[in-house]
Amino acid sequence: MQAAPVRATAIPSFTDALRAVESLLMSGGQRTARRNAWTSVLEDRRRAKDRVEAQRFLEQAADRS
């Protein structure tokens, strides 16, 4: 008697599961727009952080003179 073949299936990550739900609920255009909006939010946050760091640097330079 032979053992039945074992199939290894990867458990999807949380991100993969969210994307699957997203694809069921939204059309392709909405999904693209949402991702683009989130990318813009992240980029705005990065620029704001850079601005704060530059402001601190300028204040420190002014204090030294």
C-alpha atoms as a PDB file:
ATOM      1  CA  MET A   1       0.000   0.000   0.000  1.00  0.00           C
ATOM      2  CA  GLN A   2       1.371   3.375  -1.005  1.00  0.00           C
ATOM      3  CA  ALA A   3       0.989   6.523   1.031  1.00  0.00           C
ATOM      4  CA  ALA A   4      -1.057   9.276  -0.502  1.00  0.00           C
ATOM      5  CA  PRO A   5       1.033  12.123  -1.934  1.00  0.00           C
ATOM      6  CA  VAL A   6       1.400  15.096   0.382  1.00  0.00           C
ATOM      7  CA  ARG A   7       0.662  18.522  -1.051  1.00  0.00           C
ATOM      8  CA  ALA A   8       2.332  21.448   0.587  1.00  0.00           C
ATOM      9  CA  THR A   9       0.347  24.638   0.214  1.00  0.00           C
ATOM     10  CA  ALA A  10       1.742  27.900   1.436  1.00  0.00           C
ATOM     11  CA  ILE A  11      -0.371  29.790   3.927  1.00  0.00           C
ATOM     12  CA  PRO A  12      -1.078  33.202   2.421  1.00  0.00           C
ATOM     13  CA  SER A  13       0.327  36.195   4.219  1.00  0.00           C
ATOM     14  CA  PHE A  14      -1.944  38.788   5.794  1.00  0.00           C
ATOM     15  CA  THR A  15      -1.120  41.160   2.937  1.00  0.00           C
ATOM     16  CA  ASP A  16      -2.051  38.530   0.359  1.00  0.00           C
ATOM     17  CA  ALA A  17      -5.353  37.931   2.136  1.00  0.00           C
ATOM     18  CA  LEU A  18      -6.134  41.657   2.204  1.00  0.00           C
ATOM     19  CA  ARG A  19      -5.359  41.980  -1.484  1.00  0.00           C
ATOM     20  CA  ALA A  20      -7.653  39.057  -2.260  1.00  0.00           C
ATOM     21  CA  VAL A  21     -10.511  40.679  -0.335  1.00  0.00           C
ATOM     22  CA  GLU A  22      -9.717  44.006  -1.982  1.00  0.00           C
ATOM     23  CA  SER A  23      -9.900  42.444  -5.443  1.00  0.00           C
ATOM     24  CA  LEU A  24     -13.320  40.990  -4.656  1.00  0.00           C
ATOM     25  CA  LEU A  25     -14.725  44.274  -3.367  1.00  0.00           C
ATOM     26  CA  MET A  26     -13.238  46.807  -5.756  1.00  0.00           C
ATOM     27  CA  SER A  27     -12.841  47.115  -9.473  1.00  0.00           C
ATOM     28  CA  GLY A  28      -9.323  47.382 -10.884  1.00  0.00           C
ATOM     29  CA  GLY A  29      -9.436  51.149 -11.310  1.00  0.00           C
ATOM     30  CA  GLN A  30     -10.500  51.746  -7.712  1.00  0.00           C
ATOM     31  CA  ARG A  31      -7.763  49.447  -6.465  1.00  0.00           C
ATOM     32  CA  THR A  32      -5.125  51.306  -8.487  1.00  0.00           C
ATOM     33  CA  ALA A  33      -6.397  54.680  -7.288  1.00  0.00           C
ATOM     34  CA  ARG A  34      -6.314  53.524  -3.663  1.00  0.00           C
ATOM     35  CA  ARG A  35      -2.750  52.265  -3.957  1.00  0.00           C
ATOM     36  CA  ASN A  36      -1.656  55.471  -5.675  1.00  0.00           C
ATOM     37  CA  ALA A  37      -3.264  57.518  -2.907  1.00  0.00           C
ATOM     38  CA  TRP A  38      -1.493  55.500  -0.210  1.00  0.00           C
ATOM     39  CA  THR A  39       1.844  55.903  -2.029  1.00  0.00           C
ATOM     40  CA  SER A  40       1.250  59.668  -2.054  1.00  0.00           C
ATOM     41  CA  VAL A  41       0.523  59.660   1.675  1.00  0.00           C
ATOM     42  CA  LEU A  42       3.769  57.822   2.403  1.00  0.00           C
ATOM     43  CA  GLU A  43       5.737  60.203   0.181  1.00  0.00           C
ATOM     44  CA  ASP A  44       4.173  63.237   1.902  1.00  0.00           C
ATOM     45  CA  ARG A  45       5.163  61.812   5.291  1.00  0.00           C
ATOM     46  CA  ARG A  46       8.741  61.308   4.091  1.00  0.00           C
ATOM     47  CA  ARG A  47       8.936  64.889   2.799  1.00  0.00           C
ATOM     48  CA  ALA A  48       7.521  66.231   6.071  1.00  0.00           C
ATOM     49  CA  LYS A  49      10.151  64.308   8.034  1.00  0.00           C
ATOM     50  CA  ASP A  50      12.891  65.695   5.776  1.00  0.00           C
ATOM     51  CA  ARG A  51      11.524  69.216   6.271  1.00  0.00           C
ATOM     52  CA  VAL A  52      11.600  68.866  10.071  1.00  0.00           C
ATOM     53  CA  GLU A  53      15.170  67.571   9.977  1.00  0.00           C
ATOM     54  CA  ALA A  54      16.272  70.455   7.733  1.00  0.00           C
ATOM     55  CA  GLN A  55      14.582  72.981  10.045  1.00  0.00           C
ATOM     56  CA  ARG A  56      16.368  71.527  13.092  1.00  0.00           C
ATOM     57  CA  PHE A  57      19.689  71.654  11.270  1.00  0.00           C
ATOM     58  CA  LEU A  58      19.175  75.321  10.314  1.00  0.00           C
ATOM     59  CA  GLU A  59      18.182  76.224  13.879  1.00  0.00           C
ATOM     60  CA  GLN A  60      21.274  74.503  15.292  1.00  0.00           C
ATOM     61  CA  ALA A  61      23.494  76.286  12.768  1.00  0.00           C
ATOM     62  CA  ALA A  62      21.929  79.647  13.689  1.00  0.00           C
ATOM     63  CA  ASP A  63      22.445  78.976  17.430  1.00  0.00           C
ATOM     64  CA  ARG A  64      26.157  78.296  16.897  1.00  0.00           C
ATOM     65  CA  SER A  65      26.796  81.637  15.210  1.00  0.00           C
END
